[in-house]
Every structure is written in structure tokens, then in C-alpha cells.
Amino acid sequence: MSKETPCIAVCMMDPRTKLCFGCGRTLPEIARWHKMGREERLAVMEGLAARMADAGLAPMAGLAPMAPQPERG
């Protein structure tokens, strides 16, 4: 399993949008994250900032988005 994750350990769901305030993922995405392939995880991560902006959720102050890290063999 890869370490690629947008999780910033602020695990709280917005009841209005059903998105995590910390990372912007939905509960189904969080639940199956470890089962997703690398390409699917990267595709989800690529859209999280726009998803949160569209939902009116601001990124957590002082936290920069994580860049995807290469998988280790």
C-alpha cells in the first residue's frame, strides 16, 4: 500500500457537503482508500482542492497540500 494520502489528521465530516473538513474526501473514498490503485488515488487527490472550493470549504489554515510521494518498491 502506498503512503499517498491527502489526510492531515483533521477527520471531521461537514454535514452539509458530506466532505471531510481536513482532506475533502467523502466517507466512501476514505473507506476504500487503501484498496484504490495509485492512479485512482492520484486522480482523487488532484480534484480535492477544487472540490473543497466548490463546496465553500476552506483548506485548513497553515497547512499546505501534500504532494504525492513516489511508491517505494
C-alpha atoms as a PDB file:
ATOM      1  CA  MET A   1       0.000   0.000   0.000  1.00  0.00           C
ATOM      2  CA  SER A   2       1.213   3.483  -0.837  1.00  0.00           C
ATOM      3  CA  LYS A   3       1.693   6.325   1.616  1.00  0.00           C
ATOM      4  CA  GLU A   4      -0.031   8.708  -0.804  1.00  0.00           C
ATOM      5  CA  THR A   5      -2.788  10.348   1.133  1.00  0.00           C
ATOM      6  CA  PRO A   6      -4.333  13.794   1.480  1.00  0.00           C
ATOM      7  CA  CYS A   7      -5.125  13.103   5.145  1.00  0.00           C
ATOM      8  CA  ILE A   8      -3.973  15.815   7.548  1.00  0.00           C
ATOM      9  CA  ALA A   9      -5.462  14.149  10.648  1.00  0.00           C
ATOM     10  CA  VAL A  10      -8.425  16.553  10.831  1.00  0.00           C
ATOM     11  CA  CYS A  11     -11.062  13.880  10.440  1.00  0.00           C
ATOM     12  CA  MET A  12     -14.410  15.614  10.733  1.00  0.00           C
ATOM     13  CA  MET A  13     -17.177  15.487   8.174  1.00  0.00           C
ATOM     14  CA  ASP A  14     -19.120  18.534   7.030  1.00  0.00           C
ATOM     15  CA  PRO A  15     -22.797  17.561   7.392  1.00  0.00           C
ATOM     16  CA  ARG A  16     -23.841  19.858   4.540  1.00  0.00           C
ATOM     17  CA  THR A  17     -21.371  18.683   1.878  1.00  0.00           C
ATOM     18  CA  LYS A  18     -20.507  15.224   3.252  1.00  0.00           C
ATOM     19  CA  LEU A  19     -16.821  16.070   2.740  1.00  0.00           C
ATOM     20  CA  CYS A  20     -14.042  15.807   5.291  1.00  0.00           C
ATOM     21  CA  PHE A  21     -13.054  19.273   6.540  1.00  0.00           C
ATOM     22  CA  GLY A  22      -9.392  18.212   6.561  1.00  0.00           C
ATOM     23  CA  CYS A  23      -8.876  16.461   3.239  1.00  0.00           C
ATOM     24  CA  GLY A  24     -12.058  16.939   1.215  1.00  0.00           C
ATOM     25  CA  ARG A  25     -12.711  13.244   0.647  1.00  0.00           C
ATOM     26  CA  THR A  26     -16.091  11.567   1.061  1.00  0.00           C
ATOM     27  CA  LEU A  27     -16.622   8.737   3.549  1.00  0.00           C
ATOM     28  CA  PRO A  28     -16.746   6.129   0.756  1.00  0.00           C
ATOM     29  CA  GLU A  29     -13.424   7.418  -0.601  1.00  0.00           C
ATOM     30  CA  ILE A  30     -11.852   7.340   2.854  1.00  0.00           C
ATOM     31  CA  ALA A  31     -13.177   3.837   3.497  1.00  0.00           C
ATOM     32  CA  ARG A  32     -11.761   2.344   0.309  1.00  0.00           C
ATOM     33  CA  TRP A  33      -8.604   4.471   0.049  1.00  0.00           C
ATOM     34  CA  HIS A  34      -6.280   1.553   0.817  1.00  0.00           C
ATOM     35  CA  LYS A  35      -7.976  -0.550  -1.871  1.00  0.00           C
ATOM     36  CA  MET A  36      -7.637   2.084  -4.607  1.00  0.00           C
ATOM     37  CA  GLY A  37      -4.866   1.832  -7.134  1.00  0.00           C
ATOM     38  CA  ARG A  38      -2.223   4.530  -7.332  1.00  0.00           C
ATOM     39  CA  GLU A  39      -3.792   6.175 -10.402  1.00  0.00           C
ATOM     40  CA  GLU A  40      -7.221   6.361  -8.779  1.00  0.00           C
ATOM     41  CA  ARG A  41      -5.775   7.865  -5.570  1.00  0.00           C
ATOM     42  CA  LEU A  42      -3.850  10.461  -7.584  1.00  0.00           C
ATOM     43  CA  ALA A  43      -6.964  11.315  -9.597  1.00  0.00           C
ATOM     44  CA  VAL A  44      -8.976  11.856  -6.407  1.00  0.00           C
ATOM     45  CA  MET A  45      -6.172  13.915  -4.848  1.00  0.00           C
ATOM     46  CA  GLU A  46      -5.887  16.073  -7.954  1.00  0.00           C
ATOM     47  CA  GLY A  47      -9.506  17.199  -7.633  1.00  0.00           C
ATOM     48  CA  LEU A  48      -9.708  17.760  -3.877  1.00  0.00           C
ATOM     49  CA  ALA A  49      -8.759  21.451  -3.785  1.00  0.00           C
ATOM     50  CA  ALA A  50     -11.340  22.346  -6.439  1.00  0.00           C
ATOM     51  CA  ARG A  51     -13.939  20.119  -4.765  1.00  0.00           C
ATOM     52  CA  MET A  52     -13.448  21.880  -1.438  1.00  0.00           C
ATOM     53  CA  ALA A  53     -13.521  25.317  -3.077  1.00  0.00           C
ATOM     54  CA  ASP A  54     -16.723  24.451  -4.970  1.00  0.00           C
ATOM     55  CA  ALA A  55     -18.284  23.300  -1.688  1.00  0.00           C
ATOM     56  CA  GLY A  56     -17.249  26.517   0.063  1.00  0.00           C
ATOM     57  CA  LEU A  57     -14.816  24.742   2.385  1.00  0.00           C
ATOM     58  CA  ALA A  58     -11.534  26.479   3.046  1.00  0.00           C
ATOM     59  CA  PRO A  59      -8.340  24.469   3.374  1.00  0.00           C
ATOM     60  CA  MET A  60      -7.123  24.281   6.961  1.00  0.00           C
ATOM     61  CA  ALA A  61      -5.052  27.379   7.805  1.00  0.00           C
ATOM     62  CA  GLY A  62      -1.314  26.883   7.870  1.00  0.00           C
ATOM     63  CA  LEU A  63      -1.444  23.535   6.104  1.00  0.00           C
ATOM     64  CA  ALA A  64      -0.135  23.119   2.608  1.00  0.00           C
ATOM     65  CA  PRO A  65      -1.490  20.348   0.403  1.00  0.00           C
ATOM     66  CA  MET A  66       0.710  17.274   0.346  1.00  0.00           C
ATOM     67  CA  ALA A  67       2.458  16.429  -2.900  1.00  0.00           C
ATOM     68  CA  PRO A  68       2.096  12.813  -3.942  1.00  0.00           C
ATOM     69  CA  GLN A  69       5.112  10.772  -2.947  1.00  0.00           C
ATOM     70  CA  PRO A  70       6.540   8.060  -5.209  1.00  0.00           C
ATOM     71  CA  GLU A  71       5.759   4.495  -4.251  1.00  0.00           C
ATOM     72  CA  ARG A  72       8.589   2.523  -2.742  1.00  0.00           C
ATOM     73  CA  GLY A  73       9.356  -0.825  -4.197  1.00  0.00           C
END
